[in-house]
Amino acid sequence: MSSAVFDSVSALVIDDVRFTLQRLLRTLEQIGIADTHAAPNGAAACKMIETGEIQPTLIIADF
């Protein structure tokens, strides 16, 4: 798959398990999504979005 497909994708991964968080970020980067961000919980993710720090087009969260 061409990485050009994901050039405009910004991903936010939310997970409190550090291993899972790192694995998901690595997988996203391997498929060509270079603009990845991580948050350990929903509150941190909301703050990142509310302050304009990031504007993700894809959010992956555990529940």
PDB file of N, CA and C in Angstrom:
ATOM      1  N   MET A   1       0.843  -1.173   0.000  1.00  0.00           N
ATOM      2  CA  MET A   1       0.000   0.000   0.000  1.00  0.00           C
ATOM      3  C   MET A   1       0.889   1.236   0.000  1.00  0.00           C
ATOM      4  N   SER A   2       0.577   2.180  -0.803  1.00  0.00           N
ATOM      5  CA  SER A   2       1.365   3.404  -0.926  1.00  0.00           C
ATOM      6  C   SER A   2       1.159   4.291   0.293  1.00  0.00           C
ATOM      7  N   SER A   3       2.252   4.840   0.824  1.00  0.00           N
ATOM      8  CA  SER A   3       2.133   5.727   1.975  1.00  0.00           C
ATOM      9  C   SER A   3       1.462   7.041   1.592  1.00  0.00           C
ATOM     10  N   ALA A   4       1.433   7.379   0.313  1.00  0.00           N
ATOM     11  CA  ALA A   4       0.777   8.604  -0.140  1.00  0.00           C
ATOM     12  C   ALA A   4      -0.707   8.597   0.223  1.00  0.00           C
ATOM     13  N   VAL A   5      -1.290   7.429   0.348  1.00  0.00           N
ATOM     14  CA  VAL A   5      -2.696   7.299   0.715  1.00  0.00           C
ATOM     15  C   VAL A   5      -2.938   7.904   2.096  1.00  0.00           C
ATOM     16  N   PHE A   6      -1.952   7.805   2.972  1.00  0.00           N
ATOM     17  CA  PHE A   6      -2.105   8.246   4.356  1.00  0.00           C
ATOM     18  C   PHE A   6      -1.428   9.578   4.656  1.00  0.00           C
ATOM     19  N   ASP A   7      -0.987  10.305   3.639  1.00  0.00           N
ATOM     20  CA  ASP A   7      -0.279  11.570   3.862  1.00  0.00           C
ATOM     21  C   ASP A   7      -1.082  12.573   4.679  1.00  0.00           C
ATOM     22  N   SER A   8      -2.375  12.607   4.507  1.00  0.00           N
ATOM     23  CA  SER A   8      -3.194  13.595   5.210  1.00  0.00           C
ATOM     24  C   SER A   8      -3.812  13.045   6.497  1.00  0.00           C
ATOM     25  N   VAL A   9      -3.456  11.828   6.894  1.00  0.00           N
ATOM     26  CA  VAL A   9      -4.035  11.214   8.084  1.00  0.00           C
ATOM     27  C   VAL A   9      -3.201  11.556   9.313  1.00  0.00           C
ATOM     28  N   SER A  10      -3.893  12.010  10.349  1.00  0.00           N
ATOM     29  CA  SER A  10      -3.282  12.254  11.653  1.00  0.00           C
ATOM     30  C   SER A  10      -4.001  11.336  12.639  1.00  0.00           C
ATOM     31  N   ALA A  11      -3.250  10.470  13.310  1.00  0.00           N
ATOM     32  CA  ALA A  11      -3.862   9.476  14.189  1.00  0.00           C
ATOM     33  C   ALA A  11      -3.562   9.756  15.653  1.00  0.00           C
ATOM     34  N   LEU A  12      -4.560   9.554  16.484  1.00  0.00           N
ATOM     35  CA  LEU A  12      -4.425   9.644  17.933  1.00  0.00           C
ATOM     36  C   LEU A  12      -4.786   8.290  18.516  1.00  0.00           C
ATOM     37  N   VAL A  13      -3.864   7.719  19.285  1.00  0.00           N
ATOM     38  CA  VAL A  13      -4.102   6.433  19.942  1.00  0.00           C
ATOM     39  C   VAL A  13      -4.241   6.693  21.439  1.00  0.00           C
ATOM     40  N   ILE A  14      -5.323   6.178  22.030  1.00  0.00           N
ATOM     41  CA  ILE A  14      -5.584   6.364  23.447  1.00  0.00           C
ATOM     42  C   ILE A  14      -5.630   4.991  24.112  1.00  0.00           C
ATOM     43  N   ASP A  15      -4.697   4.756  25.015  1.00  0.00           N
ATOM     44  CA  ASP A  15      -4.662   3.469  25.719  1.00  0.00           C
ATOM     45  C   ASP A  15      -3.836   3.624  26.982  1.00  0.00           C
ATOM     46  N   ASP A  16      -4.309   3.055  28.083  1.00  0.00           N
ATOM     47  CA  ASP A  16      -3.586   3.153  29.346  1.00  0.00           C
ATOM     48  C   ASP A  16      -2.521   2.071  29.512  1.00  0.00           C
ATOM     49  N   VAL A  17      -2.495   1.099  28.609  1.00  0.00           N
ATOM     50  CA  VAL A  17      -1.479   0.054  28.644  1.00  0.00           C
ATOM     51  C   VAL A  17      -0.359   0.470  27.687  1.00  0.00           C
ATOM     52  N   ARG A  18       0.794   0.795  28.251  1.00  0.00           N
ATOM     53  CA  ARG A  18       1.896   1.358  27.456  1.00  0.00           C
ATOM     54  C   ARG A  18       2.331   0.433  26.317  1.00  0.00           C
ATOM     55  N   PHE A  19       2.397  -0.865  26.556  1.00  0.00           N
ATOM     56  CA  PHE A  19       2.795  -1.810  25.509  1.00  0.00           C
ATOM     57  C   PHE A  19       1.832  -1.734  24.328  1.00  0.00           C
ATOM     58  N   THR A  20       0.541  -1.744  24.613  1.00  0.00           N
ATOM     59  CA  THR A  20      -0.473  -1.684  23.563  1.00  0.00           C
ATOM     60  C   THR A  20      -0.381  -0.365  22.802  1.00  0.00           C
ATOM     61  N   LEU A  21      -0.205   0.708  23.536  1.00  0.00           N
ATOM     62  CA  LEU A  21      -0.076   2.031  22.930  1.00  0.00           C
ATOM     63  C   LEU A  21       1.100   2.077  21.961  1.00  0.00           C
ATOM     64  N   GLN A  22       2.256   1.621  22.393  1.00  0.00           N
ATOM     65  CA  GLN A  22       3.445   1.633  21.551  1.00  0.00           C
ATOM     66  C   GLN A  22       3.283   0.717  20.336  1.00  0.00           C
ATOM     67  N   ARG A  23       2.667  -0.425  20.524  1.00  0.00           N
ATOM     68  CA  ARG A  23       2.467  -1.374  19.418  1.00  0.00           C
ATOM     69  C   ARG A  23       1.543  -0.782  18.362  1.00  0.00           C
ATOM     70  N   LEU A  24       0.469  -0.144  18.793  1.00  0.00           N
ATOM     71  CA  LEU A  24      -0.456   0.480  17.843  1.00  0.00           C
ATOM     72  C   LEU A  24       0.220   1.614  17.079  1.00  0.00           C
ATOM     73  N   LEU A  25       0.994   2.444  17.771  1.00  0.00           N
ATOM     74  CA  LEU A  25       1.713   3.526  17.097  1.00  0.00           C
ATOM     75  C   LEU A  25       2.683   2.965  16.060  1.00  0.00           C
ATOM     76  N   ARG A  26       3.406   1.920  16.419  1.00  0.00           N
ATOM     77  CA  ARG A  26       4.361   1.298  15.501  1.00  0.00           C
ATOM     78  C   ARG A  26       3.646   0.728  14.276  1.00  0.00           C
ATOM     79  N   THR A  27       2.512   0.097  14.489  1.00  0.00           N
ATOM     80  CA  THR A  27       1.744  -0.479  13.382  1.00  0.00           C
ATOM     81  C   THR A  27       1.247   0.603  12.436  1.00  0.00           C
ATOM     82  N   LEU A  28       0.738   1.697  12.994  1.00  0.00           N
ATOM     83  CA  LEU A  28       0.274   2.805  12.153  1.00  0.00           C
ATOM     84  C   LEU A  28       1.419   3.374  11.319  1.00  0.00           C
ATOM     85  N   GLU A  29       2.575   3.528  11.928  1.00  0.00           N
ATOM     86  CA  GLU A  29       3.735   4.042  11.199  1.00  0.00           C
ATOM     87  C   GLU A  29       4.182   3.067  10.111  1.00  0.00           C
ATOM     88  N   GLN A  30       4.088   1.777  10.383  1.00  0.00           N
ATOM     89  CA  GLN A  30       4.484   0.770   9.402  1.00  0.00           C
ATOM     90  C   GLN A  30       3.576   0.778   8.176  1.00  0.00           C
ATOM     91  N   ILE A  31       2.318   1.141   8.344  1.00  0.00           N
ATOM     92  CA  ILE A  31       1.417   1.176   7.190  1.00  0.00           C
ATOM     93  C   ILE A  31       1.439   2.533   6.489  1.00  0.00           C
ATOM     94  N   GLY A  32       2.234   3.463   7.019  1.00  0.00           N
ATOM     95  CA  GLY A  32       2.425   4.727   6.327  1.00  0.00           C
ATOM     96  C   GLY A  32       1.817   5.959   6.966  1.00  0.00           C
ATOM     97  N   ILE A  33       1.281   5.824   8.171  1.00  0.00           N
ATOM     98  CA  ILE A  33       0.742   6.988   8.866  1.00  0.00           C
ATOM     99  C   ILE A  33       1.857   7.546   9.748  1.00  0.00           C
ATOM    100  N   ALA A  34       2.471   8.624   9.294  1.00  0.00           N
ATOM    101  CA  ALA A  34       3.619   9.193  10.003  1.00  0.00           C
ATOM    102  C   ALA A  34       3.211  10.156  11.119  1.00  0.00           C
ATOM    103  N   ASP A  35       2.052  10.788  10.984  1.00  0.00           N
ATOM    104  CA  ASP A  35       1.602  11.772  11.970  1.00  0.00           C
ATOM    105  C   ASP A  35       0.782  11.063  13.043  1.00  0.00           C
ATOM    106  N   THR A  36       1.473  10.503  14.045  1.00  0.00           N
ATOM    107  CA  THR A  36       0.804   9.753  15.108  1.00  0.00           C
ATOM    108  C   THR A  36       1.026  10.438  16.451  1.00  0.00           C
ATOM    109  N   HIS A  37       0.031  10.315  17.310  1.00  0.00           N
ATOM    110  CA  HIS A  37       0.078  10.909  18.641  1.00  0.00           C
ATOM    111  C   HIS A  37      -0.468   9.901  19.643  1.00  0.00           C
ATOM    112  N   ALA A  38      -0.045  10.033  20.899  1.00  0.00           N
ATOM    113  CA  ALA A  38      -0.465   9.089  21.925  1.00  0.00           C
ATOM    114  C   ALA A  38      -0.993   9.830  23.148  1.00  0.00           C
ATOM    115  N   ALA A  39      -1.970   9.222  23.792  1.00  0.00           N
ATOM    116  CA  ALA A  39      -2.507   9.736  25.048  1.00  0.00           C
ATOM    117  C   ALA A  39      -2.772   8.547  25.966  1.00  0.00           C
ATOM    118  N   PRO A  40      -2.440   8.672  27.251  1.00  0.00           N
ATOM    119  CA  PRO A  40      -2.633   7.551  28.173  1.00  0.00           C
ATOM    120  C   PRO A  40      -4.074   7.373  28.647  1.00  0.00           C
ATOM    121  N   ASN A  41      -4.919   8.397  28.405  1.00  0.00           N
ATOM    122  CA  ASN A  41      -6.311   8.295  28.833  1.00  0.00           C
ATOM    123  C   ASN A  41      -7.162   9.315  28.076  1.00  0.00           C
ATOM    124  N   GLY A  42      -8.460   9.205  28.246  1.00  0.00           N
ATOM    125  CA  GLY A  42      -9.382  10.073  27.528  1.00  0.00           C
ATOM    126  C   GLY A  42      -9.249  11.536  27.900  1.00  0.00           C
ATOM    127  N   ALA A  43      -8.996  11.820  29.168  1.00  0.00           N
ATOM    128  CA  ALA A  43      -8.860  13.205  29.613  1.00  0.00           C
ATOM    129  C   ALA A  43      -7.676  13.879  28.930  1.00  0.00           C
ATOM    130  N   ALA A  44      -6.567  13.185  28.855  1.00  0.00           N
ATOM    131  CA  ALA A  44      -5.372  13.732  28.194  1.00  0.00           C
ATOM    132  C   ALA A  44      -5.637  13.938  26.705  1.00  0.00           C
ATOM    133  N   ALA A  45      -6.338  12.996  26.096  1.00  0.00           N
ATOM    134  CA  ALA A  45      -6.659  13.107  24.671  1.00  0.00           C
ATOM    135  C   ALA A  45      -7.563  14.312  24.419  1.00  0.00           C
ATOM    136  N   CYS A  46      -8.573  14.488  25.251  1.00  0.00           N
ATOM    137  CA  CYS A  46      -9.482  15.627  25.093  1.00  0.00           C
ATOM    138  C   CYS A  46      -8.732  16.941  25.234  1.00  0.00           C
ATOM    139  N   LYS A  47      -7.814  17.009  26.189  1.00  0.00           N
ATOM    140  CA  LYS A  47      -7.038  18.235  26.385  1.00  0.00           C
ATOM    141  C   LYS A  47      -6.187  18.539  25.154  1.00  0.00           C
ATOM    142  N   MET A  48      -5.569  17.507  24.566  1.00  0.00           N
ATOM    143  CA  MET A  48      -4.756  17.692  23.368  1.00  0.00           C
ATOM    144  C   MET A  48      -5.591  18.252  22.221  1.00  0.00           C
ATOM    145  N   ILE A  49      -6.808  17.758  22.097  1.00  0.00           N
ATOM    146  CA  ILE A  49      -7.696  18.197  21.012  1.00  0.00           C
ATOM    147  C   ILE A  49      -8.254  19.591  21.301  1.00  0.00           C
ATOM    148  N   GLU A  50      -8.709  19.819  22.536  1.00  0.00           N
ATOM    149  CA  GLU A  50      -9.304  21.102  22.908  1.00  0.00           C
ATOM    150  C   GLU A  50      -8.324  22.266  22.791  1.00  0.00           C
ATOM    151  N   THR A  51      -7.067  22.026  23.122  1.00  0.00           N
ATOM    152  CA  THR A  51      -6.062  23.094  23.065  1.00  0.00           C
ATOM    153  C   THR A  51      -5.549  23.314  21.645  1.00  0.00           C
ATOM    154  N   GLY A  52      -5.963  22.466  20.724  1.00  0.00           N
ATOM    155  CA  GLY A  52      -5.522  22.607  19.340  1.00  0.00           C
ATOM    156  C   GLY A  52      -4.141  22.026  19.081  1.00  0.00           C
ATOM    157  N   GLU A  53      -3.608  21.314  20.072  1.00  0.00           N
ATOM    158  CA  GLU A  53      -2.295  20.678  19.908  1.00  0.00           C
ATOM    159  C   GLU A  53      -2.296  19.717  18.725  1.00  0.00           C
ATOM    160  N   ILE A  54      -3.406  19.007  18.569  1.00  0.00           N
ATOM    161  CA  ILE A  54      -3.551  18.079  17.450  1.00  0.00           C
ATOM    162  C   ILE A  54      -4.971  18.163  16.900  1.00  0.00           C
ATOM    163  N   GLN A  55      -5.136  17.751  15.655  1.00  0.00           N
ATOM    164  CA  GLN A  55      -6.444  17.642  15.023  1.00  0.00           C
ATOM    165  C   GLN A  55      -6.501  16.299  14.309  1.00  0.00           C
ATOM    166  N   PRO A  56      -6.734  15.223  15.066  1.00  0.00           N
ATOM    167  CA  PRO A  56      -6.680  13.894  14.464  1.00  0.00           C
ATOM    168  C   PRO A  56      -7.826  13.632  13.496  1.00  0.00           C
ATOM    169  N   THR A  57      -7.495  12.889  12.446  1.00  0.00           N
ATOM    170  CA  THR A  57      -8.523  12.430  11.525  1.00  0.00           C
ATOM    171  C   THR A  57      -8.911  10.992  11.834  1.00  0.00           C
ATOM    172  N   LEU A  58      -8.099  10.347  12.691  1.00  0.00           N
ATOM    173  CA  LEU A  58      -8.351   8.966  13.109  1.00  0.00           C
ATOM    174  C   LEU A  58      -8.073   8.869  14.595  1.00  0.00           C
ATOM    175  N   ILE A  59      -9.008   8.304  15.345  1.00  0.00           N
ATOM    176  CA  ILE A  59      -8.821   8.088  16.788  1.00  0.00           C
ATOM    177  C   ILE A  59      -9.039   6.607  17.063  1.00  0.00           C
ATOM    178  N   ILE A  60      -8.071   5.997  17.750  1.00  0.00           N
ATOM    179  CA  ILE A  60      -8.182   4.605  18.183  1.00  0.00           C
ATOM    180  C   ILE A  60      -8.129   4.617  19.701  1.00  0.00           C
ATOM    181  N   ALA A  61      -9.179   4.083  20.344  1.00  0.00           N
ATOM    182  CA  ALA A  61      -9.252   4.096  21.801  1.00  0.00           C
ATOM    183  C   ALA A  61      -9.738   2.752  22.321  1.00  0.00           C
ATOM    184  N   ASP A  62      -9.239   2.396  23.493  1.00  0.00           N
ATOM    185  CA  ASP A  62      -9.768   1.207  24.145  1.00  0.00           C
ATOM    186  C   ASP A  62     -10.844   1.645  25.126  1.00  0.00           C
ATOM    187  N   PHE A  63     -11.739   0.732  25.455  1.00  0.00           N
ATOM    188  CA  PHE A  63     -12.797   1.026  26.412  1.00  0.00           C
ATOM    189  C   PHE A  63     -12.796   0.000  27.503  1.00  0.00           C
TER     190      PHE A  63
END
